[in-house]
Every structure is written in structure tokens, then in C-alpha cells.
Amino acid sequence: MNIRQLEIFTTVAATGSMTKAAQQLFLSQPAISKAIRELEQSIGVRLFDRIDNRLALNSAGRQFRIRVTQLLTEFNELAQYGD
């Protein structure tokens, strides 16, 4: 798990779409899919359910998003110390 995967996760969670997340992050859709797959494998939990053509956070994903949001906020605050 790395910071970039967590940023990708939060963008996919916010947009509900790997394609839209790819557009926002200026990455390819396969790169987004790979990052999410690797993240889920590293933590051993599926984070999304597919509903029609849309991704939705499942209960584990919703809990994970709360923690990741806190972590990224703290990380960004710490990164400002170097500026």
C-alpha cells in the first residue's frame, strides 16, 4: 500500500468510476484498475461492489475511506512543513 494508491482509492470512491477517476488524475483507466486491485490485495479486502456500470463502496470500503481521508489529511499537513 502506498500514498498514490490511497489517493487513487479516494478519487474512485468520490467519482464512483474508474474512468472518471482516470480523467481527473490524468492516468489511464487500466492504471487505475491495477492500483485498486493491488490495494485490495495488499489489505486482503474488497472495497468496492459493482452495481450496473458503477462502483459503490461496500461497508469495508466506507470504513477504509474514513481512515484514508484522515491519513491523507495528516500526510498533506506534514508535507507542508518542508515548504
PDB file of N, CA and C in Angstrom:
ATOM      1  N   MET A   1       0.858  -1.172   0.000  1.00  0.00           N
ATOM      2  CA  MET A   1       0.000   0.000   0.000  1.00  0.00           C
ATOM      3  C   MET A   1       0.899   1.228   0.000  1.00  0.00           C
ATOM      4  N   ASN A   2       0.529   2.217  -0.811  1.00  0.00           N
ATOM      5  CA  ASN A   2       1.283   3.463  -0.826  1.00  0.00           C
ATOM      6  C   ASN A   2       0.333   4.656  -0.942  1.00  0.00           C
ATOM      7  N   ILE A   3       0.888   5.831  -0.762  1.00  0.00           N
ATOM      8  CA  ILE A   3       0.070   7.057  -0.766  1.00  0.00           C
ATOM      9  C   ILE A   3      -0.658   7.220  -2.099  1.00  0.00           C
ATOM     10  N   ARG A   4       0.003   6.939  -3.204  1.00  0.00           N
ATOM     11  CA  ARG A   4      -0.629   7.105  -4.514  1.00  0.00           C
ATOM     12  C   ARG A   4      -1.856   6.202  -4.648  1.00  0.00           C
ATOM     13  N   GLN A   5      -1.751   4.962  -4.193  1.00  0.00           N
ATOM     14  CA  GLN A   5      -2.908   4.055  -4.236  1.00  0.00           C
ATOM     15  C   GLN A   5      -4.051   4.606  -3.397  1.00  0.00           C
ATOM     16  N   LEU A   6      -3.725   5.201  -2.267  1.00  0.00           N
ATOM     17  CA  LEU A   6      -4.767   5.755  -1.400  1.00  0.00           C
ATOM     18  C   LEU A   6      -5.427   6.966  -2.048  1.00  0.00           C
ATOM     19  N   GLU A   7      -4.639   7.783  -2.727  1.00  0.00           N
ATOM     20  CA  GLU A   7      -5.212   8.923  -3.450  1.00  0.00           C
ATOM     21  C   GLU A   7      -6.114   8.441  -4.588  1.00  0.00           C
ATOM     22  N   ILE A   8      -5.679   7.414  -5.284  1.00  0.00           N
ATOM     23  CA  ILE A   8      -6.498   6.841  -6.351  1.00  0.00           C
ATOM     24  C   ILE A   8      -7.785   6.265  -5.763  1.00  0.00           C
ATOM     25  N   PHE A   9      -7.670   5.554  -4.652  1.00  0.00           N
ATOM     26  CA  PHE A   9      -8.851   4.988  -3.992  1.00  0.00           C
ATOM     27  C   PHE A   9      -9.877   6.078  -3.670  1.00  0.00           C
ATOM     28  N   THR A  10      -9.431   7.185  -3.074  1.00  0.00           N
ATOM     29  CA  THR A  10     -10.387   8.232  -2.692  1.00  0.00           C
ATOM     30  C   THR A  10     -11.035   8.873  -3.914  1.00  0.00           C
ATOM     31  N   THR A  11     -10.305   8.982  -5.007  1.00  0.00           N
ATOM     32  CA  THR A  11     -10.872   9.560  -6.224  1.00  0.00           C
ATOM     33  C   THR A  11     -11.894   8.608  -6.845  1.00  0.00           C
ATOM     34  N   VAL A  12     -11.581   7.329  -6.877  1.00  0.00           N
ATOM     35  CA  VAL A  12     -12.555   6.346  -7.389  1.00  0.00           C
ATOM     36  C   VAL A  12     -13.795   6.341  -6.494  1.00  0.00           C
ATOM     37  N   ALA A  13     -13.596   6.384  -5.200  1.00  0.00           N
ATOM     38  CA  ALA A  13     -14.728   6.401  -4.269  1.00  0.00           C
ATOM     39  C   ALA A  13     -15.594   7.639  -4.481  1.00  0.00           C
ATOM     40  N   ALA A  14     -14.964   8.782  -4.723  1.00  0.00           N
ATOM     41  CA  ALA A  14     -15.718  10.025  -4.908  1.00  0.00           C
ATOM     42  C   ALA A  14     -16.473  10.054  -6.232  1.00  0.00           C
ATOM     43  N   THR A  15     -15.870   9.508  -7.279  1.00  0.00           N
ATOM     44  CA  THR A  15     -16.498   9.563  -8.599  1.00  0.00           C
ATOM     45  C   THR A  15     -17.384   8.363  -8.894  1.00  0.00           C
ATOM     46  N   GLY A  16     -17.114   7.247  -8.213  1.00  0.00           N
ATOM     47  CA  GLY A  16     -17.870   6.023  -8.483  1.00  0.00           C
ATOM     48  C   GLY A  16     -17.522   5.397  -9.817  1.00  0.00           C
ATOM     49  N   SER A  17     -16.369   5.809 -10.366  1.00  0.00           N
ATOM     50  CA  SER A  17     -15.998   5.338 -11.697  1.00  0.00           C
ATOM     51  C   SER A  17     -14.482   5.353 -11.864  1.00  0.00           C
ATOM     52  N   MET A  18     -13.942   4.256 -12.365  1.00  0.00           N
ATOM     53  CA  MET A  18     -12.505   4.223 -12.638  1.00  0.00           C
ATOM     54  C   MET A  18     -12.164   5.118 -13.825  1.00  0.00           C
ATOM     55  N   THR A  19     -13.072   5.201 -14.786  1.00  0.00           N
ATOM     56  CA  THR A  19     -12.841   6.055 -15.951  1.00  0.00           C
ATOM     57  C   THR A  19     -12.800   7.528 -15.550  1.00  0.00           C
ATOM     58  N   LYS A  20     -13.758   7.956 -14.746  1.00  0.00           N
ATOM     59  CA  LYS A  20     -13.772   9.351 -14.299  1.00  0.00           C
ATOM     60  C   LYS A  20     -12.573   9.659 -13.414  1.00  0.00           C
ATOM     61  N   ALA A  21     -12.202   8.713 -12.559  1.00  0.00           N
ATOM     62  CA  ALA A  21     -11.023   8.898 -11.713  1.00  0.00           C
ATOM     63  C   ALA A  21      -9.773   9.029 -12.573  1.00  0.00           C
ATOM     64  N   ALA A  22      -9.677   8.215 -13.611  1.00  0.00           N
ATOM     65  CA  ALA A  22      -8.527   8.279 -14.516  1.00  0.00           C
ATOM     66  C   ALA A  22      -8.439   9.649 -15.179  1.00  0.00           C
ATOM     67  N   GLN A  23      -9.569  10.179 -15.594  1.00  0.00           N
ATOM     68  CA  GLN A  23      -9.587  11.504 -16.222  1.00  0.00           C
ATOM     69  C   GLN A  23      -9.141  12.574 -15.237  1.00  0.00           C
ATOM     70  N   GLN A  24      -9.631  12.527 -14.010  1.00  0.00           N
ATOM     71  CA  GLN A  24      -9.266  13.530 -13.008  1.00  0.00           C
ATOM     72  C   GLN A  24      -7.801  13.457 -12.625  1.00  0.00           C
ATOM     73  N   LEU A  25      -7.263  12.244 -12.594  1.00  0.00           N
ATOM     74  CA  LEU A  25      -5.881  12.046 -12.147  1.00  0.00           C
ATOM     75  C   LEU A  25      -4.885  12.002 -13.304  1.00  0.00           C
ATOM     76  N   PHE A  26      -5.384  12.162 -14.535  1.00  0.00           N
ATOM     77  CA  PHE A  26      -4.534  12.124 -15.730  1.00  0.00           C
ATOM     78  C   PHE A  26      -3.743  10.830 -15.822  1.00  0.00           C
ATOM     79  N   LEU A  27      -4.453   9.726 -15.569  1.00  0.00           N
ATOM     80  CA  LEU A  27      -3.895   8.385 -15.667  1.00  0.00           C
ATOM     81  C   LEU A  27      -4.776   7.575 -16.604  1.00  0.00           C
ATOM     82  N   SER A  28      -4.279   6.431 -17.028  1.00  0.00           N
ATOM     83  CA  SER A  28      -5.113   5.547 -17.849  1.00  0.00           C
ATOM     84  C   SER A  28      -6.061   4.760 -16.945  1.00  0.00           C
ATOM     85  N   GLN A  29      -7.175   4.322 -17.530  1.00  0.00           N
ATOM     86  CA  GLN A  29      -8.120   3.522 -16.764  1.00  0.00           C
ATOM     87  C   GLN A  29      -7.490   2.208 -16.311  1.00  0.00           C
ATOM     88  N   PRO A  30      -6.678   1.539 -17.147  1.00  0.00           N
ATOM     89  CA  PRO A  30      -6.022   0.320 -16.662  1.00  0.00           C
ATOM     90  C   PRO A  30      -5.083   0.575 -15.473  1.00  0.00           C
ATOM     91  N   ALA A  31      -4.432   1.735 -15.435  1.00  0.00           N
ATOM     92  CA  ALA A  31      -3.563   2.058 -14.302  1.00  0.00           C
ATOM     93  C   ALA A  31      -4.377   2.224 -13.023  1.00  0.00           C
ATOM     94  N   ILE A  32      -5.559   2.812 -13.153  1.00  0.00           N
ATOM     95  CA  ILE A  32      -6.448   2.977 -12.000  1.00  0.00           C
ATOM     96  C   ILE A  32      -6.922   1.609 -11.516  1.00  0.00           C
ATOM     97  N   SER A  33      -7.361   0.777 -12.450  1.00  0.00           N
ATOM     98  CA  SER A  33      -7.828  -0.568 -12.097  1.00  0.00           C
ATOM     99  C   SER A  33      -6.735  -1.365 -11.400  1.00  0.00           C
ATOM    100  N   LYS A  34      -5.536  -1.283 -11.918  1.00  0.00           N
ATOM    101  CA  LYS A  34      -4.412  -2.009 -11.328  1.00  0.00           C
ATOM    102  C   LYS A  34      -4.120  -1.517  -9.918  1.00  0.00           C
ATOM    103  N   ALA A  35      -4.132  -0.201  -9.723  1.00  0.00           N
ATOM    104  CA  ALA A  35      -3.862   0.358  -8.395  1.00  0.00           C
ATOM    105  C   ALA A  35      -4.906  -0.106  -7.378  1.00  0.00           C
ATOM    106  N   ILE A  36      -6.172  -0.110  -7.770  1.00  0.00           N
ATOM    107  CA  ILE A  36      -7.239  -0.549  -6.861  1.00  0.00           C
ATOM    108  C   ILE A  36      -7.097  -2.042  -6.574  1.00  0.00           C
ATOM    109  N   ARG A  37      -6.831  -2.832  -7.604  1.00  0.00           N
ATOM    110  CA  ARG A  37      -6.652  -4.275  -7.425  1.00  0.00           C
ATOM    111  C   ARG A  37      -5.482  -4.558  -6.470  1.00  0.00           C
ATOM    112  N   GLU A  38      -4.363  -3.876  -6.665  1.00  0.00           N
ATOM    113  CA  GLU A  38      -3.195  -4.079  -5.802  1.00  0.00           C
ATOM    114  C   GLU A  38      -3.475  -3.629  -4.365  1.00  0.00           C
ATOM    115  N   LEU A  39      -4.205  -2.536  -4.209  1.00  0.00           N
ATOM    116  CA  LEU A  39      -4.563  -2.065  -2.874  1.00  0.00           C
ATOM    117  C   LEU A  39      -5.431  -3.098  -2.169  1.00  0.00           C
ATOM    118  N   GLU A  40      -6.467  -3.580  -2.854  1.00  0.00           N
ATOM    119  CA  GLU A  40      -7.347  -4.586  -2.260  1.00  0.00           C
ATOM    120  C   GLU A  40      -6.574  -5.860  -1.910  1.00  0.00           C
ATOM    121  N   GLN A  41      -5.654  -6.251  -2.765  1.00  0.00           N
ATOM    122  CA  GLN A  41      -4.847  -7.438  -2.477  1.00  0.00           C
ATOM    123  C   GLN A  41      -3.939  -7.213  -1.273  1.00  0.00           C
ATOM    124  N   SER A  42      -3.373  -6.015  -1.170  1.00  0.00           N
ATOM    125  CA  SER A  42      -2.439  -5.764  -0.066  1.00  0.00           C
ATOM    126  C   SER A  42      -3.136  -5.736   1.291  1.00  0.00           C
ATOM    127  N   ILE A  43      -4.397  -5.307   1.316  1.00  0.00           N
ATOM    128  CA  ILE A  43      -5.111  -5.282   2.603  1.00  0.00           C
ATOM    129  C   ILE A  43      -6.012  -6.503   2.784  1.00  0.00           C
ATOM    130  N   GLY A  44      -6.175  -7.282   1.725  1.00  0.00           N
ATOM    131  CA  GLY A  44      -6.943  -8.521   1.819  1.00  0.00           C
ATOM    132  C   GLY A  44      -8.442  -8.337   1.920  1.00  0.00           C
ATOM    133  N   VAL A  45      -8.951  -7.222   1.400  1.00  0.00           N
ATOM    134  CA  VAL A  45     -10.381  -6.927   1.496  1.00  0.00           C
ATOM    135  C   VAL A  45     -10.841  -6.246   0.212  1.00  0.00           C
ATOM    136  N   ARG A  46     -11.996  -6.646  -0.292  1.00  0.00           N
ATOM    137  CA  ARG A  46     -12.603  -5.914  -1.415  1.00  0.00           C
ATOM    138  C   ARG A  46     -13.219  -4.636  -0.869  1.00  0.00           C
ATOM    139  N   LEU A  47     -13.037  -3.550  -1.579  1.00  0.00           N
ATOM    140  CA  LEU A  47     -13.510  -2.246  -1.120  1.00  0.00           C
ATOM    141  C   LEU A  47     -14.722  -1.742  -1.905  1.00  0.00           C
ATOM    142  N   PHE A  48     -14.919  -2.280  -3.097  1.00  0.00           N
ATOM    143  CA  PHE A  48     -15.995  -1.819  -3.974  1.00  0.00           C
ATOM    144  C   PHE A  48     -16.878  -2.981  -4.404  1.00  0.00           C
ATOM    145  N   ASP A  49     -18.149  -2.664  -4.632  1.00  0.00           N
ATOM    146  CA  ASP A  49     -19.082  -3.573  -5.282  1.00  0.00           C
ATOM    147  C   ASP A  49     -19.468  -2.927  -6.604  1.00  0.00           C
ATOM    148  N   ARG A  50     -19.651  -3.749  -7.626  1.00  0.00           N
ATOM    149  CA  ARG A  50     -20.118  -3.236  -8.911  1.00  0.00           C
ATOM    150  C   ARG A  50     -21.645  -3.279  -8.921  1.00  0.00           C
ATOM    151  N   ILE A  51     -22.230  -2.141  -9.228  1.00  0.00           N
ATOM    152  CA  ILE A  51     -23.681  -2.040  -9.355  1.00  0.00           C
ATOM    153  C   ILE A  51     -23.951  -1.438 -10.732  1.00  0.00           C
ATOM    154  N   ASP A  52     -24.493  -2.245 -11.623  1.00  0.00           N
ATOM    155  CA  ASP A  52     -24.637  -1.880 -13.033  1.00  0.00           C
ATOM    156  C   ASP A  52     -23.247  -1.527 -13.570  1.00  0.00           C
ATOM    157  N   ASN A  53     -23.069  -0.334 -14.073  1.00  0.00           N
ATOM    158  CA  ASN A  53     -21.762   0.093 -14.586  1.00  0.00           C
ATOM    159  C   ASN A  53     -21.066   1.045 -13.629  1.00  0.00           C
ATOM    160  N   ARG A  54     -21.470   1.037 -12.386  1.00  0.00           N
ATOM    161  CA  ARG A  54     -20.938   1.979 -11.407  1.00  0.00           C
ATOM    162  C   ARG A  54     -20.305   1.202 -10.258  1.00  0.00           C
ATOM    163  N   LEU A  55     -19.286   1.796  -9.660  1.00  0.00           N
ATOM    164  CA  LEU A  55     -18.666   1.221  -8.475  1.00  0.00           C
ATOM    165  C   LEU A  55     -19.255   1.877  -7.247  1.00  0.00           C
ATOM    166  N   ALA A  56     -19.504   1.089  -6.244  1.00  0.00           N
ATOM    167  CA  ALA A  56     -20.006   1.613  -4.965  1.00  0.00           C
ATOM    168  C   ALA A  56     -19.164   1.030  -3.847  1.00  0.00           C
ATOM    169  N   LEU A  57     -18.823   1.867  -2.898  1.00  0.00           N
ATOM    170  CA  LEU A  57     -18.086   1.378  -1.734  1.00  0.00           C
ATOM    171  C   LEU A  57     -18.957   0.387  -0.976  1.00  0.00           C
ATOM    172  N   ASN A  58     -18.385  -0.729  -0.579  1.00  0.00           N
ATOM    173  CA  ASN A  58     -19.094  -1.645   0.309  1.00  0.00           C
ATOM    174  C   ASN A  58     -18.810  -1.208   1.748  1.00  0.00           C
ATOM    175  N   SER A  59     -19.272  -1.940   2.726  1.00  0.00           N
ATOM    176  CA  SER A  59     -19.099  -1.498   4.121  1.00  0.00           C
ATOM    177  C   SER A  59     -17.626  -1.388   4.494  1.00  0.00           C
ATOM    178  N   ALA A  60     -16.800  -2.330   4.042  1.00  0.00           N
ATOM    179  CA  ALA A  60     -15.359  -2.247   4.333  1.00  0.00           C
ATOM    180  C   ALA A  60     -14.760  -1.021   3.655  1.00  0.00           C
ATOM    181  N   GLY A  61     -15.194  -0.741   2.445  1.00  0.00           N
ATOM    182  CA  GLY A  61     -14.708   0.424   1.715  1.00  0.00           C
ATOM    183  C   GLY A  61     -15.090   1.733   2.382  1.00  0.00           C
ATOM    184  N   ARG A  62     -16.297   1.793   2.922  1.00  0.00           N
ATOM    185  CA  ARG A  62     -16.726   3.020   3.618  1.00  0.00           C
ATOM    186  C   ARG A  62     -15.888   3.252   4.866  1.00  0.00           C
ATOM    187  N   GLN A  63     -15.623   2.207   5.619  1.00  0.00           N
ATOM    188  CA  GLN A  63     -14.784   2.343   6.819  1.00  0.00           C
ATOM    189  C   GLN A  63     -13.355   2.710   6.436  1.00  0.00           C
ATOM    190  N   PHE A  64     -12.850   2.065   5.396  1.00  0.00           N
ATOM    191  CA  PHE A  64     -11.491   2.333   4.936  1.00  0.00           C
ATOM    192  C   PHE A  64     -11.362   3.776   4.460  1.00  0.00           C
ATOM    193  N   ARG A  65     -12.393   4.279   3.763  1.00  0.00           N
ATOM    194  CA  ARG A  65     -12.357   5.658   3.246  1.00  0.00           C
ATOM    195  C   ARG A  65     -12.233   6.670   4.385  1.00  0.00           C
ATOM    196  N   ILE A  66     -12.912   6.447   5.475  1.00  0.00           N
ATOM    197  CA  ILE A  66     -12.815   7.352   6.618  1.00  0.00           C
ATOM    198  C   ILE A  66     -11.381   7.428   7.108  1.00  0.00           C
ATOM    199  N   ARG A  67     -10.768   6.266   7.279  1.00  0.00           N
ATOM    200  CA  ARG A  67      -9.377   6.218   7.774  1.00  0.00           C
ATOM    201  C   ARG A  67      -8.402   6.810   6.769  1.00  0.00           C
ATOM    202  N   VAL A  68      -8.608   6.512   5.505  1.00  0.00           N
ATOM    203  CA  VAL A  68      -7.710   7.018   4.465  1.00  0.00           C
ATOM    204  C   VAL A  68      -7.817   8.536   4.357  1.00  0.00           C
ATOM    205  N   THR A  69      -9.012   9.062   4.449  1.00  0.00           N
ATOM    206  CA  THR A  69      -9.198  10.510   4.391  1.00  0.00           C
ATOM    207  C   THR A  69      -8.445  11.188   5.529  1.00  0.00           C
ATOM    208  N   GLN A  70      -8.538  10.638   6.724  1.00  0.00           N
ATOM    209  CA  GLN A  70      -7.795  11.180   7.870  1.00  0.00           C
ATOM    210  C   GLN A  70      -6.296  11.101   7.629  1.00  0.00           C
ATOM    211  N   LEU A  71      -5.847   9.958   7.147  1.00  0.00           N
ATOM    212  CA  LEU A  71      -4.425   9.751   6.897  1.00  0.00           C
ATOM    213  C   LEU A  71      -3.896  10.728   5.850  1.00  0.00           C
ATOM    214  N   LEU A  72      -4.615  10.897   4.745  1.00  0.00           N
ATOM    215  CA  LEU A  72      -4.162  11.801   3.694  1.00  0.00           C
ATOM    216  C   LEU A  72      -4.164  13.247   4.159  1.00  0.00           C
ATOM    217  N   THR A  73      -5.129  13.622   4.979  1.00  0.00           N
ATOM    218  CA  THR A  73      -5.150  14.970   5.538  1.00  0.00           C
ATOM    219  C   THR A  73      -3.905  15.204   6.383  1.00  0.00           C
ATOM    220  N   GLU A  74      -3.599  14.270   7.260  1.00  0.00           N
ATOM    221  CA  GLU A  74      -2.412  14.390   8.104  1.00  0.00           C
ATOM    222  C   GLU A  74      -1.133  14.373   7.271  1.00  0.00           C
ATOM    223  N   PHE A  75      -1.078  13.521   6.264  1.00  0.00           N
ATOM    224  CA  PHE A  75       0.089  13.453   5.397  1.00  0.00           C
ATOM    225  C   PHE A  75       0.323  14.796   4.705  1.00  0.00           C
ATOM    226  N   ASN A  76      -0.745  15.399   4.162  1.00  0.00           N
ATOM    227  CA  ASN A  76      -0.622  16.681   3.475  1.00  0.00           C
ATOM    228  C   ASN A  76      -0.210  17.793   4.424  1.00  0.00           C
ATOM    229  N   GLU A  77      -0.702  17.752   5.659  1.00  0.00           N
ATOM    230  CA  GLU A  77      -0.286  18.738   6.660  1.00  0.00           C
ATOM    231  C   GLU A  77       1.203  18.593   6.976  1.00  0.00           C
ATOM    232  N   LEU A  78       1.659  17.364   7.125  1.00  0.00           N
ATOM    233  CA  LEU A  78       3.079  17.122   7.394  1.00  0.00           C
ATOM    234  C   LEU A  78       3.943  17.534   6.217  1.00  0.00           C
ATOM    235  N   ALA A  79       3.467  17.327   5.011  1.00  0.00           N
ATOM    236  CA  ALA A  79       4.234  17.678   3.815  1.00  0.00           C
ATOM    237  C   ALA A  79       4.453  19.182   3.725  1.00  0.00           C
ATOM    238  N   GLN A  80       3.565  19.963   4.313  1.00  0.00           N
ATOM    239  CA  GLN A  80       3.701  21.425   4.270  1.00  0.00           C
ATOM    240  C   GLN A  80       4.840  21.924   5.137  1.00  0.00           C
ATOM    241  N   TYR A  81       5.311  21.121   6.086  1.00  0.00           N
ATOM    242  CA  TYR A  81       6.428  21.529   6.932  1.00  0.00           C
ATOM    243  C   TYR A  81       7.689  21.746   6.118  1.00  0.00           C
ATOM    244  N   GLY A  82       7.818  21.031   5.010  1.00  0.00           N
ATOM    245  CA  GLY A  82       9.016  21.149   4.189  1.00  0.00           C
ATOM    246  C   GLY A  82       9.003  22.369   3.280  1.00  0.00           C
ATOM    247  N   ASP A  83       7.866  23.038   3.173  1.00  0.00           N
ATOM    248  CA  ASP A  83       7.757  24.196   2.274  1.00  0.00           C
ATOM    249  C   ASP A  83       8.314  25.452   2.888  1.00  0.00           C
TER     250      ASP A  83
END
